[in-house]
Amino acid sequence: MQRHMPALNIEKLANAFVPNADPSPLVAGAALNAVNRYGKKHGGLWVGGKVTATPDGLRFAPNRLNRAFHEGLDSTNISLSSIRAVTREFGWVTGIVVVRHAEGEFRFRCFGAKQVATTLGAYVAGL
């Protein structure tokens, strides 16, 4: 008997933690100093954009503003079959979804993080 999987269609405005995010030349002065201090202290920067999860995979696409203010910022694509675990962590205002996968870890924060983590985790567990 074949198991029926519910449709997976998550789309959220989110901030993703990007370890290798570098500010562009558009960021200068005190703002550049603050961004560099934060990045050094935390090991990366939170970048705004959109997270989408479908049966084709999990994707984060930075928004236009963040692409302008960061150097070489690319989209993140993770195949669902490479995901090992999905959990939620506390975050002020928005929760944080932590996706552990074959290549490492991907973190993003959004409204409704608890439901996103539950839905994505259940879908991946059923693969």
PDB file of N, CA and C in Angstrom:
ATOM      1  N   MET A   1       0.833  -1.176   0.000  1.00  0.00           N
ATOM      2  CA  MET A   1       0.000   0.000   0.000  1.00  0.00           C
ATOM      3  C   MET A   1       0.883   1.247   0.000  1.00  0.00           C
ATOM      4  N   GLN A   2       0.642   2.122  -0.931  1.00  0.00           N
ATOM      5  CA  GLN A   2       1.453   3.335  -1.047  1.00  0.00           C
ATOM      6  C   GLN A   2       0.918   4.400  -0.088  1.00  0.00           C
ATOM      7  N   ARG A   3       1.829   5.052   0.618  1.00  0.00           N
ATOM      8  CA  ARG A   3       1.468   6.077   1.583  1.00  0.00           C
ATOM      9  C   ARG A   3       1.224   7.399   0.862  1.00  0.00           C
ATOM     10  N   HIS A   4       0.116   8.054   1.180  1.00  0.00           N
ATOM     11  CA  HIS A   4      -0.212   9.336   0.568  1.00  0.00           C
ATOM     12  C   HIS A   4       0.434  10.468   1.359  1.00  0.00           C
ATOM     13  N   MET A   5       1.261  11.264   0.694  1.00  0.00           N
ATOM     14  CA  MET A   5       1.914  12.403   1.333  1.00  0.00           C
ATOM     15  C   MET A   5       1.073  13.657   1.080  1.00  0.00           C
ATOM     16  N   PRO A   6       0.795  14.425   2.130  1.00  0.00           N
ATOM     17  CA  PRO A   6       0.099  15.694   1.906  1.00  0.00           C
ATOM     18  C   PRO A   6       0.994  16.643   1.113  1.00  0.00           C
ATOM     19  N   ALA A   7       0.366  17.590   0.441  1.00  0.00           N
ATOM     20  CA  ALA A   7       1.131  18.570  -0.330  1.00  0.00           C
ATOM     21  C   ALA A   7       2.011  19.401   0.604  1.00  0.00           C
ATOM     22  N   LEU A   8       3.194  19.725   0.151  1.00  0.00           N
ATOM     23  CA  LEU A   8       4.091  20.605   0.900  1.00  0.00           C
ATOM     24  C   LEU A   8       4.204  21.895   0.118  1.00  0.00           C
ATOM     25  N   ASN A   9       3.741  22.971   0.722  1.00  0.00           N
ATOM     26  CA  ASN A   9       3.804  24.266   0.058  1.00  0.00           C
ATOM     27  C   ASN A   9       3.929  25.348   1.127  1.00  0.00           C
ATOM     28  N   ILE A  10       5.161  25.595   1.554  1.00  0.00           N
ATOM     29  CA  ILE A  10       5.450  26.615   2.558  1.00  0.00           C
ATOM     30  C   ILE A  10       6.123  27.783   1.856  1.00  0.00           C
ATOM     31  N   GLU A  11       5.628  28.979   2.116  1.00  0.00           N
ATOM     32  CA  GLU A  11       6.242  30.190   1.568  1.00  0.00           C
ATOM     33  C   GLU A  11       6.161  31.257   2.650  1.00  0.00           C
ATOM     34  N   LYS A  12       7.324  31.719   3.109  1.00  0.00           N
ATOM     35  CA  LYS A  12       7.380  32.671   4.211  1.00  0.00           C
ATOM     36  C   LYS A  12       8.431  33.739   3.951  1.00  0.00           C
ATOM     37  N   LEU A  13       8.097  34.985   4.299  1.00  0.00           N
ATOM     38  CA  LEU A  13       9.134  35.996   4.379  1.00  0.00           C
ATOM     39  C   LEU A  13       9.973  35.620   5.582  1.00  0.00           C
ATOM     40  N   ALA A  14      11.276  35.676   5.440  1.00  0.00           N
ATOM     41  CA  ALA A  14      12.152  35.176   6.492  1.00  0.00           C
ATOM     42  C   ALA A  14      13.492  35.890   6.460  1.00  0.00           C
ATOM     43  N   ASN A  15      14.231  35.712   7.546  1.00  0.00           N
ATOM     44  CA  ASN A  15      15.631  36.107   7.608  1.00  0.00           C
ATOM     45  C   ASN A  15      16.430  34.825   7.778  1.00  0.00           C
ATOM     46  N   ALA A  16      17.374  34.596   6.909  1.00  0.00           N
ATOM     47  CA  ALA A  16      18.226  33.411   6.993  1.00  0.00           C
ATOM     48  C   ALA A  16      19.592  33.826   7.524  1.00  0.00           C
ATOM     49  N   PHE A  17      20.177  32.946   8.328  1.00  0.00           N
ATOM     50  CA  PHE A  17      21.514  33.202   8.850  1.00  0.00           C
ATOM     51  C   PHE A  17      22.515  32.742   7.798  1.00  0.00           C
ATOM     52  N   VAL A  18      23.333  33.678   7.324  1.00  0.00           N
ATOM     53  CA  VAL A  18      24.289  33.395   6.256  1.00  0.00           C
ATOM     54  C   VAL A  18      25.704  33.596   6.807  1.00  0.00           C
ATOM     55  N   PRO A  19      26.433  32.488   7.040  1.00  0.00           N
ATOM     56  CA  PRO A  19      27.767  32.601   7.621  1.00  0.00           C
ATOM     57  C   PRO A  19      28.756  33.407   6.781  1.00  0.00           C
ATOM     58  N   ASN A  20      28.669  33.349   5.467  1.00  0.00           N
ATOM     59  CA  ASN A  20      29.662  34.017   4.622  1.00  0.00           C
ATOM     60  C   ASN A  20      29.150  35.327   4.023  1.00  0.00           C
ATOM     61  N   ALA A  21      28.143  35.939   4.642  1.00  0.00           N
ATOM     62  CA  ALA A  21      27.606  37.201   4.113  1.00  0.00           C
ATOM     63  C   ALA A  21      28.595  38.339   4.370  1.00  0.00           C
ATOM     64  N   ASP A  22      28.948  39.050   3.319  1.00  0.00           N
ATOM     65  CA  ASP A  22      29.854  40.196   3.410  1.00  0.00           C
ATOM     66  C   ASP A  22      29.117  41.445   2.941  1.00  0.00           C
ATOM     67  N   PRO A  23      29.245  42.549   3.658  1.00  0.00           N
ATOM     68  CA  PRO A  23      28.595  43.784   3.223  1.00  0.00           C
ATOM     69  C   PRO A  23      29.204  44.302   1.920  1.00  0.00           C
ATOM     70  N   SER A  24      28.357  44.926   1.111  1.00  0.00           N
ATOM     71  CA  SER A  24      28.824  45.511  -0.149  1.00  0.00           C
ATOM     72  C   SER A  24      29.395  46.900   0.115  1.00  0.00           C
ATOM     73  N   PRO A  25      30.001  47.519  -0.896  1.00  0.00           N
ATOM     74  CA  PRO A  25      30.525  48.885  -0.738  1.00  0.00           C
ATOM     75  C   PRO A  25      29.429  49.916  -0.436  1.00  0.00           C
ATOM     76  N   LEU A  26      28.159  49.557  -0.616  1.00  0.00           N
ATOM     77  CA  LEU A  26      27.072  50.475  -0.293  1.00  0.00           C
ATOM     78  C   LEU A  26      26.941  50.683   1.218  1.00  0.00           C
ATOM     79  N   VAL A  27      27.475  49.747   2.002  1.00  0.00           N
ATOM     80  CA  VAL A  27      27.440  49.861   3.461  1.00  0.00           C
ATOM     81  C   VAL A  27      28.744  50.529   3.884  1.00  0.00           C
ATOM     82  N   ALA A  28      28.625  51.674   4.560  1.00  0.00           N
ATOM     83  CA  ALA A  28      29.838  52.430   4.917  1.00  0.00           C
ATOM     84  C   ALA A  28      29.717  53.030   6.310  1.00  0.00           C
ATOM     85  N   GLY A  29      30.811  53.559   6.775  1.00  0.00           N
ATOM     86  CA  GLY A  29      30.842  54.303   8.030  1.00  0.00           C
ATOM     87  C   GLY A  29      30.473  53.473   9.239  1.00  0.00           C
ATOM     88  N   ALA A  30      29.667  54.080  10.115  1.00  0.00           N
ATOM     89  CA  ALA A  30      29.268  53.427  11.366  1.00  0.00           C
ATOM     90  C   ALA A  30      28.474  52.150  11.100  1.00  0.00           C
ATOM     91  N   ALA A  31      27.648  52.162  10.053  1.00  0.00           N
ATOM     92  CA  ALA A  31      26.862  50.962   9.724  1.00  0.00           C
ATOM     93  C   ALA A  31      27.788  49.802   9.370  1.00  0.00           C
ATOM     94  N   LEU A  32      28.825  50.076   8.594  1.00  0.00           N
ATOM     95  CA  LEU A  32      29.775  49.028   8.220  1.00  0.00           C
ATOM     96  C   LEU A  32      30.483  48.473   9.460  1.00  0.00           C
ATOM     97  N   ASN A  33      30.883  49.360  10.357  1.00  0.00           N
ATOM     98  CA  ASN A  33      31.541  48.910  11.586  1.00  0.00           C
ATOM     99  C   ASN A  33      30.617  48.019  12.404  1.00  0.00           C
ATOM    100  N   ALA A  34      29.349  48.404  12.526  1.00  0.00           N
ATOM    101  CA  ALA A  34      28.378  47.612  13.301  1.00  0.00           C
ATOM    102  C   ALA A  34      28.144  46.252  12.652  1.00  0.00           C
ATOM    103  N   VAL A  35      27.986  46.235  11.332  1.00  0.00           N
ATOM    104  CA  VAL A  35      27.756  44.979  10.613  1.00  0.00           C
ATOM    105  C   VAL A  35      28.965  44.059  10.760  1.00  0.00           C
ATOM    106  N   ASN A  36      30.155  44.606  10.606  1.00  0.00           N
ATOM    107  CA  ASN A  36      31.369  43.794  10.740  1.00  0.00           C
ATOM    108  C   ASN A  36      31.525  43.231  12.149  1.00  0.00           C
ATOM    109  N   ARG A  37      31.224  44.039  13.171  1.00  0.00           N
ATOM    110  CA  ARG A  37      31.307  43.558  14.560  1.00  0.00           C
ATOM    111  C   ARG A  37      30.305  42.434  14.798  1.00  0.00           C
ATOM    112  N   TYR A  38      29.065  42.617  14.319  1.00  0.00           N
ATOM    113  CA  TYR A  38      28.036  41.599  14.506  1.00  0.00           C
ATOM    114  C   TYR A  38      28.439  40.300  13.808  1.00  0.00           C
ATOM    115  N   GLY A  39      28.873  40.422  12.560  1.00  0.00           N
ATOM    116  CA  GLY A  39      29.273  39.243  11.786  1.00  0.00           C
ATOM    117  C   GLY A  39      30.411  38.483  12.432  1.00  0.00           C
ATOM    118  N   LYS A  40      31.369  39.214  12.953  1.00  0.00           N
ATOM    119  CA  LYS A  40      32.509  38.577  13.607  1.00  0.00           C
ATOM    120  C   LYS A  40      32.088  37.887  14.910  1.00  0.00           C
ATOM    121  N   LYS A  41      31.253  38.544  15.682  1.00  0.00           N
ATOM    122  CA  LYS A  41      30.818  37.998  16.969  1.00  0.00           C
ATOM    123  C   LYS A  41      29.930  36.771  16.806  1.00  0.00           C
ATOM    124  N   HIS A  42      29.033  36.794  15.806  1.00  0.00           N
ATOM    125  CA  HIS A  42      28.033  35.733  15.646  1.00  0.00           C
ATOM    126  C   HIS A  42      28.362  34.734  14.534  1.00  0.00           C
ATOM    127  N   GLY A  43      29.395  34.998  13.777  1.00  0.00           N
ATOM    128  CA  GLY A  43      29.783  34.069  12.718  1.00  0.00           C
ATOM    129  C   GLY A  43      28.977  34.196  11.443  1.00  0.00           C
ATOM    130  N   GLY A  44      28.298  35.313  11.255  1.00  0.00           N
ATOM    131  CA  GLY A  44      27.518  35.536  10.046  1.00  0.00           C
ATOM    132  C   GLY A  44      26.485  36.626  10.262  1.00  0.00           C
ATOM    133  N   LEU A  45      25.641  36.824   9.259  1.00  0.00           N
ATOM    134  CA  LEU A  45      24.620  37.871   9.295  1.00  0.00           C
ATOM    135  C   LEU A  45      23.253  37.301   8.970  1.00  0.00           C
ATOM    136  N   TRP A  46      22.209  37.932   9.518  1.00  0.00           N
ATOM    137  CA  TRP A  46      20.837  37.593   9.152  1.00  0.00           C
ATOM    138  C   TRP A  46      20.479  38.374   7.897  1.00  0.00           C
ATOM    139  N   VAL A  47      19.977  37.675   6.895  1.00  0.00           N
ATOM    140  CA  VAL A  47      19.689  38.247   5.587  1.00  0.00           C
ATOM    141  C   VAL A  47      18.210  38.050   5.263  1.00  0.00           C
ATOM    142  N   GLY A  48      17.533  39.104   4.857  1.00  0.00           N
ATOM    143  CA  GLY A  48      16.111  39.031   4.554  1.00  0.00           C
ATOM    144  C   GLY A  48      15.826  38.464   3.183  1.00  0.00           C
ATOM    145  N   GLY A  49      14.700  37.771   3.073  1.00  0.00           N
ATOM    146  CA  GLY A  49      14.287  37.198   1.801  1.00  0.00           C
ATOM    147  C   GLY A  49      13.059  36.329   1.971  1.00  0.00           C
ATOM    148  N   LYS A  50      12.981  35.274   1.184  1.00  0.00           N
ATOM    149  CA  LYS A  50      11.821  34.383   1.221  1.00  0.00           C
ATOM    150  C   LYS A  50      12.279  32.931   1.263  1.00  0.00           C
ATOM    151  N   VAL A  51      11.661  32.160   2.157  1.00  0.00           N
ATOM    152  CA  VAL A  51      11.887  30.719   2.247  1.00  0.00           C
ATOM    153  C   VAL A  51      10.702  30.021   1.606  1.00  0.00           C
ATOM    154  N   THR A  52      10.996  29.046   0.756  1.00  0.00           N
ATOM    155  CA  THR A  52       9.975  28.239   0.107  1.00  0.00           C
ATOM    156  C   THR A  52      10.327  26.770   0.292  1.00  0.00           C
ATOM    157  N   ALA A  53       9.333  25.975   0.682  1.00  0.00           N
ATOM    158  CA  ALA A  53       9.523  24.526   0.784  1.00  0.00           C
ATOM    159  C   ALA A  53       8.417  23.846  -0.014  1.00  0.00           C
ATOM    160  N   THR A  54       8.829  23.062  -0.998  1.00  0.00           N
ATOM    161  CA  THR A  54       7.923  22.282  -1.839  1.00  0.00           C
ATOM    162  C   THR A  54       8.530  20.888  -1.963  1.00  0.00           C
ATOM    163  N   PRO A  55       7.825  19.955  -2.589  1.00  0.00           N
ATOM    164  CA  PRO A  55       8.440  18.636  -2.795  1.00  0.00           C
ATOM    165  C   PRO A  55       9.749  18.696  -3.582  1.00  0.00           C
ATOM    166  N   ASP A  56      10.013  19.807  -4.282  1.00  0.00           N
ATOM    167  CA  ASP A  56      11.263  19.971  -5.030  1.00  0.00           C
ATOM    168  C   ASP A  56      12.434  20.352  -4.134  1.00  0.00           C
ATOM    169  N   GLY A  57      12.168  20.848  -2.918  1.00  0.00           N
ATOM    170  CA  GLY A  57      13.248  21.200  -2.013  1.00  0.00           C
ATOM    171  C   GLY A  57      12.953  22.432  -1.187  1.00  0.00           C
ATOM    172  N   LEU A  58      13.933  22.796  -0.380  1.00  0.00           N
ATOM    173  CA  LEU A  58      13.870  23.977   0.470  1.00  0.00           C
ATOM    174  C   LEU A  58      14.763  25.036  -0.170  1.00  0.00           C
ATOM    175  N   ARG A  59      14.227  26.247  -0.302  1.00  0.00           N
ATOM    176  CA  ARG A  59      14.976  27.310  -0.976  1.00  0.00           C
ATOM    177  C   ARG A  59      14.851  28.611  -0.186  1.00  0.00           C
ATOM    178  N   PHE A  60      15.965  29.312  -0.077  1.00  0.00           N
ATOM    179  CA  PHE A  60      15.959  30.675   0.448  1.00  0.00           C
ATOM    180  C   PHE A  60      16.474  31.590  -0.647  1.00  0.00           C
ATOM    181  N   ALA A  61      15.697  32.611  -0.977  1.00  0.00           N
ATOM    182  CA  ALA A  61      16.104  33.601  -1.973  1.00  0.00           C
ATOM    183  C   ALA A  61      16.183  34.960  -1.288  1.00  0.00           C
ATOM    184  N   PRO A  62      17.371  35.568  -1.228  1.00  0.00           N
ATOM    185  CA  PRO A  62      17.486  36.891  -0.615  1.00  0.00           C
ATOM    186  C   PRO A  62      16.692  37.923  -1.404  1.00  0.00           C
ATOM    187  N   ASN A  63      16.140  38.894  -0.700  1.00  0.00           N
ATOM    188  CA  ASN A  63      15.387  39.931  -1.396  1.00  0.00           C
ATOM    189  C   ASN A  63      16.342  40.917  -2.082  1.00  0.00           C
ATOM    190  N   ARG A  64      15.777  41.765  -2.910  1.00  0.00           N
ATOM    191  CA  ARG A  64      16.581  42.688  -3.724  1.00  0.00           C
ATOM    192  C   ARG A  64      17.428  43.623  -2.862  1.00  0.00           C
ATOM    193  N   LEU A  65      16.850  44.131  -1.789  1.00  0.00           N
ATOM    194  CA  LEU A  65      17.590  45.053  -0.923  1.00  0.00           C
ATOM    195  C   LEU A  65      18.816  44.363  -0.328  1.00  0.00           C
ATOM    196  N   ASN A  66      18.655  43.142   0.161  1.00  0.00           N
ATOM    197  CA  ASN A  66      19.784  42.425   0.750  1.00  0.00           C
ATOM    198  C   ASN A  66      20.817  42.020  -0.294  1.00  0.00           C
ATOM    199  N   ARG A  67      20.387  41.726  -1.516  1.00  0.00           N
ATOM    200  CA  ARG A  67      21.366  41.442  -2.583  1.00  0.00           C
ATOM    201  C   ARG A  67      22.194  42.693  -2.874  1.00  0.00           C
ATOM    202  N   ALA A  68      21.579  43.879  -2.750  1.00  0.00           N
ATOM    203  CA  ALA A  68      22.318  45.125  -2.993  1.00  0.00           C
ATOM    204  C   ALA A  68      23.313  45.414  -1.869  1.00  0.00           C
ATOM    205  N   PHE A  69      22.958  45.068  -0.643  1.00  0.00           N
ATOM    206  CA  PHE A  69      23.797  45.411   0.506  1.00  0.00           C
ATOM    207  C   PHE A  69      24.768  44.314   0.929  1.00  0.00           C
ATOM    208  N   HIS A  70      24.813  43.224   0.174  1.00  0.00           N
ATOM    209  CA  HIS A  70      25.762  42.137   0.457  1.00  0.00           C
ATOM    210  C   HIS A  70      26.492  41.744  -0.816  1.00  0.00           C
ATOM    211  N   GLU A  71      27.742  41.372  -0.676  1.00  0.00           N
ATOM    212  CA  GLU A  71      28.559  40.919  -1.804  1.00  0.00           C
ATOM    213  C   GLU A  71      28.276  39.455  -2.117  1.00  0.00           C
ATOM    214  N   GLY A  72      28.049  39.123  -3.373  1.00  0.00           N
ATOM    215  CA  GLY A  72      27.966  37.733  -3.826  1.00  0.00           C
ATOM    216  C   GLY A  72      26.957  36.878  -3.084  1.00  0.00           C
ATOM    217  N   LEU A  73      25.826  37.440  -2.733  1.00  0.00           N
ATOM    218  CA  LEU A  73      24.817  36.711  -1.977  1.00  0.00           C
ATOM    219  C   LEU A  73      24.010  35.828  -2.926  1.00  0.00           C
ATOM    220  N   ASP A  74      24.040  34.531  -2.695  1.00  0.00           N
ATOM    221  CA  ASP A  74      23.340  33.576  -3.550  1.00  0.00           C
ATOM    222  C   ASP A  74      22.140  32.978  -2.837  1.00  0.00           C
ATOM    223  N   SER A  75      21.263  32.381  -3.610  1.00  0.00           N
ATOM    224  CA  SER A  75      20.153  31.620  -3.046  1.00  0.00           C
ATOM    225  C   SER A  75      20.700  30.339  -2.431  1.00  0.00           C
ATOM    226  N   THR A  76      19.961  29.806  -1.472  1.00  0.00           N
ATOM    227  CA  THR A  76      20.296  28.533  -0.837  1.00  0.00           C
ATOM    228  C   THR A  76      19.278  27.508  -1.289  1.00  0.00           C
ATOM    229  N   ASN A  77      19.726  26.365  -1.760  1.00  0.00           N
ATOM    230  CA  ASN A  77      18.843  25.284  -2.179  1.00  0.00           C
ATOM    231  C   ASN A  77      19.259  24.002  -1.475  1.00  0.00           C
ATOM    232  N   ILE A  78      18.294  23.340  -0.824  1.00  0.00           N
ATOM    233  CA  ILE A  78      18.562  22.105  -0.096  1.00  0.00           C
ATOM    234  C   ILE A  78      17.544  21.063  -0.541  1.00  0.00           C
ATOM    235  N   SER A  79      18.023  19.920  -0.994  1.00  0.00           N
ATOM    236  CA  SER A  79      17.089  18.859  -1.375  1.00  0.00           C
ATOM    237  C   SER A  79      16.470  18.274  -0.111  1.00  0.00           C
ATOM    238  N   LEU A  80      15.195  17.948  -0.186  1.00  0.00           N
ATOM    239  CA  LEU A  80      14.513  17.398   0.987  1.00  0.00           C
ATOM    240  C   LEU A  80      15.129  16.074   1.423  1.00  0.00           C
ATOM    241  N   SER A  81      15.640  15.301   0.486  1.00  0.00           N
ATOM    242  CA  SER A  81      16.228  14.005   0.838  1.00  0.00           C
ATOM    243  C   SER A  81      17.510  14.146   1.648  1.00  0.00           C
ATOM    244  N   SER A  82      18.142  15.338   1.621  1.00  0.00           N
ATOM    245  CA  SER A  82      19.368  15.535   2.391  1.00  0.00           C
ATOM    246  C   SER A  82      19.096  16.061   3.806  1.00  0.00           C
ATOM    247  N   ILE A  83      17.838  16.390   4.098  1.00  0.00           N
ATOM    248  CA  ILE A  83      17.498  16.924   5.417  1.00  0.00           C
ATOM    249  C   ILE A  83      17.454  15.789   6.433  1.00  0.00           C
ATOM    250  N   ARG A  84      18.174  15.974   7.546  1.00  0.00           N
ATOM    251  CA  ARG A  84      18.264  14.975   8.614  1.00  0.00           C
ATOM    252  C   ARG A  84      17.323  15.279   9.774  1.00  0.00           C
ATOM    253  N   ALA A  85      17.111  16.569  10.071  1.00  0.00           N
ATOM    254  CA  ALA A  85      16.248  16.962  11.185  1.00  0.00           C
ATOM    255  C   ALA A  85      15.804  18.406  11.004  1.00  0.00           C
ATOM    256  N   VAL A  86      14.605  18.697  11.519  1.00  0.00           N
ATOM    257  CA  VAL A  86      14.075  20.059  11.523  1.00  0.00           C
ATOM    258  C   VAL A  86      13.588  20.342  12.937  1.00  0.00           C
ATOM    259  N   THR A  87      14.115  21.405  13.541  1.00  0.00           N
ATOM    260  CA  THR A  87      13.713  21.781  14.891  1.00  0.00           C
ATOM    261  C   THR A  87      13.423  23.268  14.945  1.00  0.00           C
ATOM    262  N   ARG A  88      12.827  23.688  16.051  1.00  0.00           N
ATOM    263  CA  ARG A  88      12.552  25.104  16.271  1.00  0.00           C
ATOM    264  C   ARG A  88      13.270  25.540  17.539  1.00  0.00           C
ATOM    265  N   GLU A  89      13.841  26.738  17.488  1.00  0.00           N
ATOM    266  CA  GLU A  89      14.490  27.326  18.656  1.00  0.00           C
ATOM    267  C   GLU A  89      13.807  28.643  18.982  1.00  0.00           C
ATOM    268  N   PHE A  90      13.928  29.046  20.227  1.00  0.00           N
ATOM    269  CA  PHE A  90      13.377  30.324  20.659  1.00  0.00           C
ATOM    270  C   PHE A  90      14.104  31.466  19.965  1.00  0.00           C
ATOM    271  N   GLY A  91      13.358  32.471  19.623  1.00  0.00           N
ATOM    272  CA  GLY A  91      13.918  33.709  19.102  1.00  0.00           C
ATOM    273  C   GLY A  91      13.011  34.851  19.500  1.00  0.00           C
ATOM    274  N   TRP A  92      13.567  35.991  19.800  1.00  0.00           N
ATOM    275  CA  TRP A  92      12.750  37.156  20.139  1.00  0.00           C
ATOM    276  C   TRP A  92      11.929  37.554  18.922  1.00  0.00           C
ATOM    277  N   VAL A  93      10.678  37.796  19.104  1.00  0.00           N
ATOM    278  CA  VAL A  93       9.691  38.192  18.098  1.00  0.00           C
ATOM    279  C   VAL A  93       9.358  37.039  17.157  1.00  0.00           C
ATOM    280  N   THR A  94      10.343  36.488  16.480  1.00  0.00           N
ATOM    281  CA  THR A  94      10.092  35.344  15.592  1.00  0.00           C
ATOM    282  C   THR A  94      10.928  34.154  16.056  1.00  0.00           C
ATOM    283  N   GLY A  95      10.363  32.957  15.908  1.00  0.00           N
ATOM    284  CA  GLY A  95      11.116  31.751  16.235  1.00  0.00           C
ATOM    285  C   GLY A  95      12.131  31.448  15.146  1.00  0.00           C
ATOM    286  N   ILE A  96      13.027  30.535  15.449  1.00  0.00           N
ATOM    287  CA  ILE A  96      14.080  30.147  14.514  1.00  0.00           C
ATOM    288  C   ILE A  96      13.873  28.694  14.124  1.00  0.00           C
ATOM    289  N   VAL A  97      13.877  28.416  12.828  1.00  0.00           N
ATOM    290  CA  VAL A  97      13.792  27.050  12.308  1.00  0.00           C
ATOM    291  C   VAL A  97      15.212  26.611  11.974  1.00  0.00           C
ATOM    292  N   VAL A  98      15.609  25.460  12.508  1.00  0.00           N
ATOM    293  CA  VAL A  98      16.950  24.927  12.271  1.00  0.00           C
ATOM    294  C   VAL A  98      16.801  23.661  11.427  1.00  0.00           C
ATOM    295  N   VAL A  99      17.411  23.677  10.250  1.00  0.00           N
ATOM    296  CA  VAL A  99      17.354  22.538   9.334  1.00  0.00           C
ATOM    297  C   VAL A  99      18.750  21.937   9.268  1.00  0.00           C
ATOM    298  N   ARG A 100      18.893  20.728   9.809  1.00  0.00           N
ATOM    299  CA  ARG A 100      20.175  20.012   9.720  1.00  0.00           C
ATOM    300  C   ARG A 100      20.102  19.116   8.496  1.00  0.00           C
ATOM    301  N   HIS A 101      21.129  19.231   7.659  1.00  0.00           N
ATOM    302  CA  HIS A 101      21.126  18.469   6.400  1.00  0.00           C
ATOM    303  C   HIS A 101      22.517  17.896   6.157  1.00  0.00           C
ATOM    304  N   ALA A 102      22.645  17.147   5.082  1.00  0.00           N
ATOM    305  CA  ALA A 102      23.887  16.430   4.783  1.00  0.00           C
ATOM    306  C   ALA A 102      25.101  17.354   4.688  1.00  0.00           C
ATOM    307  N   GLU A 103      24.904  18.597   4.312  1.00  0.00           N
ATOM    308  CA  GLU A 103      26.025  19.524   4.125  1.00  0.00           C
ATOM    309  C   GLU A 103      26.255  20.441   5.324  1.00  0.00           C
ATOM    310  N   GLY A 104      25.391  20.371   6.340  1.00  0.00           N
ATOM    311  CA  GLY A 104      25.557  21.240   7.504  1.00  0.00           C
ATOM    312  C   GLY A 104      24.239  21.646   8.119  1.00  0.00           C
ATOM    313  N   GLU A 105      24.091  22.954   8.319  1.00  0.00           N
ATOM    314  CA  GLU A 105      22.919  23.475   9.003  1.00  0.00           C
ATOM    315  C   GLU A 105      22.462  24.758   8.323  1.00  0.00           C
ATOM    316  N   PHE A 106      21.161  24.911   8.215  1.00  0.00           N
ATOM    317  CA  PHE A 106      20.556  26.116   7.652  1.00  0.00           C
ATOM    318  C   PHE A 106      19.558  26.639   8.675  1.00  0.00           C
ATOM    319  N   ARG A 107      19.674  27.914   9.030  1.00  0.00           N
ATOM    320  CA  ARG A 107      18.807  28.523  10.037  1.00  0.00           C
ATOM    321  C   ARG A 107      18.062  29.701   9.424  1.00  0.00           C
ATOM    322  N   PHE A 108      16.768  29.780   9.742  1.00  0.00           N
ATOM    323  CA  PHE A 108      16.011  30.950   9.324  1.00  0.00           C
ATOM    324  C   PHE A 108      14.968  31.277  10.381  1.00  0.00           C
ATOM    325  N   ARG A 109      14.598  32.550  10.423  1.00  0.00           N
ATOM    326  CA  ARG A 109      13.587  32.990  11.379  1.00  0.00           C
ATOM    327  C   ARG A 109      12.418  33.581  10.623  1.00  0.00           C
ATOM    328  N   CYS A 110      11.210  33.277  11.116  1.00  0.00           N
ATOM    329  CA  CYS A 110      10.001  33.772  10.480  1.00  0.00           C
ATOM    330  C   CYS A 110       8.851  33.720  11.479  1.00  0.00           C
ATOM    331  N   PHE A 111       7.782  34.433  11.168  1.00  0.00           N
ATOM    332  CA  PHE A 111       6.570  34.294  11.958  1.00  0.00           C
ATOM    333  C   PHE A 111       5.985  32.910  11.677  1.00  0.00           C
ATOM    334  N   GLY A 112       5.453  32.267  12.697  1.00  0.00           N
ATOM    335  CA  GLY A 112       4.896  30.930  12.535  1.00  0.00           C
ATOM    336  C   GLY A 112       5.958  29.852  12.453  1.00  0.00           C
ATOM    337  N   ALA A 113       7.137  30.101  13.022  1.00  0.00           N
ATOM    338  CA  ALA A 113       8.262  29.158  12.929  1.00  0.00           C
ATOM    339  C   ALA A 113       7.913  27.781  13.496  1.00  0.00           C
ATOM    340  N   LYS A 114       7.130  27.743  14.562  1.00  0.00           N
ATOM    341  CA  LYS A 114       6.769  26.455  15.167  1.00  0.00           C
ATOM    342  C   LYS A 114       5.998  25.588  14.177  1.00  0.00           C
ATOM    343  N   GLN A 115       5.013  26.179  13.499  1.00  0.00           N
ATOM    344  CA  GLN A 115       4.223  25.432  12.515  1.00  0.00           C
ATOM    345  C   GLN A 115       5.070  25.055  11.292  1.00  0.00           C
ATOM    346  N   VAL A 116       5.941  25.960  10.869  1.00  0.00           N
ATOM    347  CA  VAL A 116       6.823  25.663   9.731  1.00  0.00           C
ATOM    348  C   VAL A 116       7.716  24.469  10.060  1.00  0.00           C
ATOM    349  N   ALA A 117       8.336  24.487  11.240  1.00  0.00           N
ATOM    350  CA  ALA A 117       9.220  23.386  11.642  1.00  0.00           C
ATOM    351  C   ALA A 117       8.453  22.076  11.759  1.00  0.00           C
ATOM    352  N   THR A 118       7.259  22.127  12.332  1.00  0.00           N
ATOM    353  CA  THR A 118       6.434  20.919  12.482  1.00  0.00           C
ATOM    354  C   THR A 118       6.048  20.352  11.122  1.00  0.00           C
ATOM    355  N   THR A 119       5.565  21.208  10.236  1.00  0.00           N
ATOM    356  CA  THR A 119       5.114  20.771   8.902  1.00  0.00           C
ATOM    357  C   THR A 119       6.281  20.219   8.086  1.00  0.00           C
ATOM    358  N   LEU A 120       7.382  20.947   8.031  1.00  0.00           N
ATOM    359  CA  LEU A 120       8.532  20.513   7.239  1.00  0.00           C
ATOM    360  C   LEU A 120       9.126  19.238   7.826  1.00  0.00           C
ATOM    361  N   GLY A 121       9.264  19.185   9.149  1.00  0.00           N
ATOM    362  CA  GLY A 121       9.823  17.999   9.800  1.00  0.00           C
ATOM    363  C   GLY A 121       8.972  16.767   9.556  1.00  0.00           C
ATOM    364  N   ALA A 122       7.656  16.894   9.644  1.00  0.00           N
ATOM    365  CA  ALA A 122       6.767  15.759   9.405  1.00  0.00           C
ATOM    366  C   ALA A 122       6.834  15.294   7.950  1.00  0.00           C
ATOM    367  N   TYR A 123       6.916  16.250   7.031  1.00  0.00           N
ATOM    368  CA  TYR A 123       6.998  15.890   5.610  1.00  0.00           C
ATOM    369  C   TYR A 123       8.298  15.125   5.323  1.00  0.00           C
ATOM    370  N   VAL A 124       9.405  15.645   5.827  1.00  0.00           N
ATOM    371  CA  VAL A 124      10.698  15.006   5.599  1.00  0.00           C
ATOM    372  C   VAL A 124      10.738  13.615   6.246  1.00  0.00           C
ATOM    373  N   ALA A 125      10.161  13.491   7.414  1.00  0.00           N
ATOM    374  CA  ALA A 125      10.143  12.185   8.109  1.00  0.00           C
ATOM    375  C   ALA A 125       9.352  11.144   7.309  1.00  0.00           C
ATOM    376  N   GLY A 126       8.388  11.601   6.522  1.00  0.00           N
ATOM    377  CA  GLY A 126       7.558  10.687   5.737  1.00  0.00           C
ATOM    378  C   GLY A 126       8.144  10.300   4.395  1.00  0.00           C
ATOM    379  N   LEU A 127       9.283  10.872   4.032  1.00  0.00           N
ATOM    380  CA  LEU A 127       9.897  10.548   2.729  1.00  0.00           C
ATOM    381  C   LEU A 127      10.462   9.153   2.708  1.00  0.00           C
TER     382      LEU A 127
END
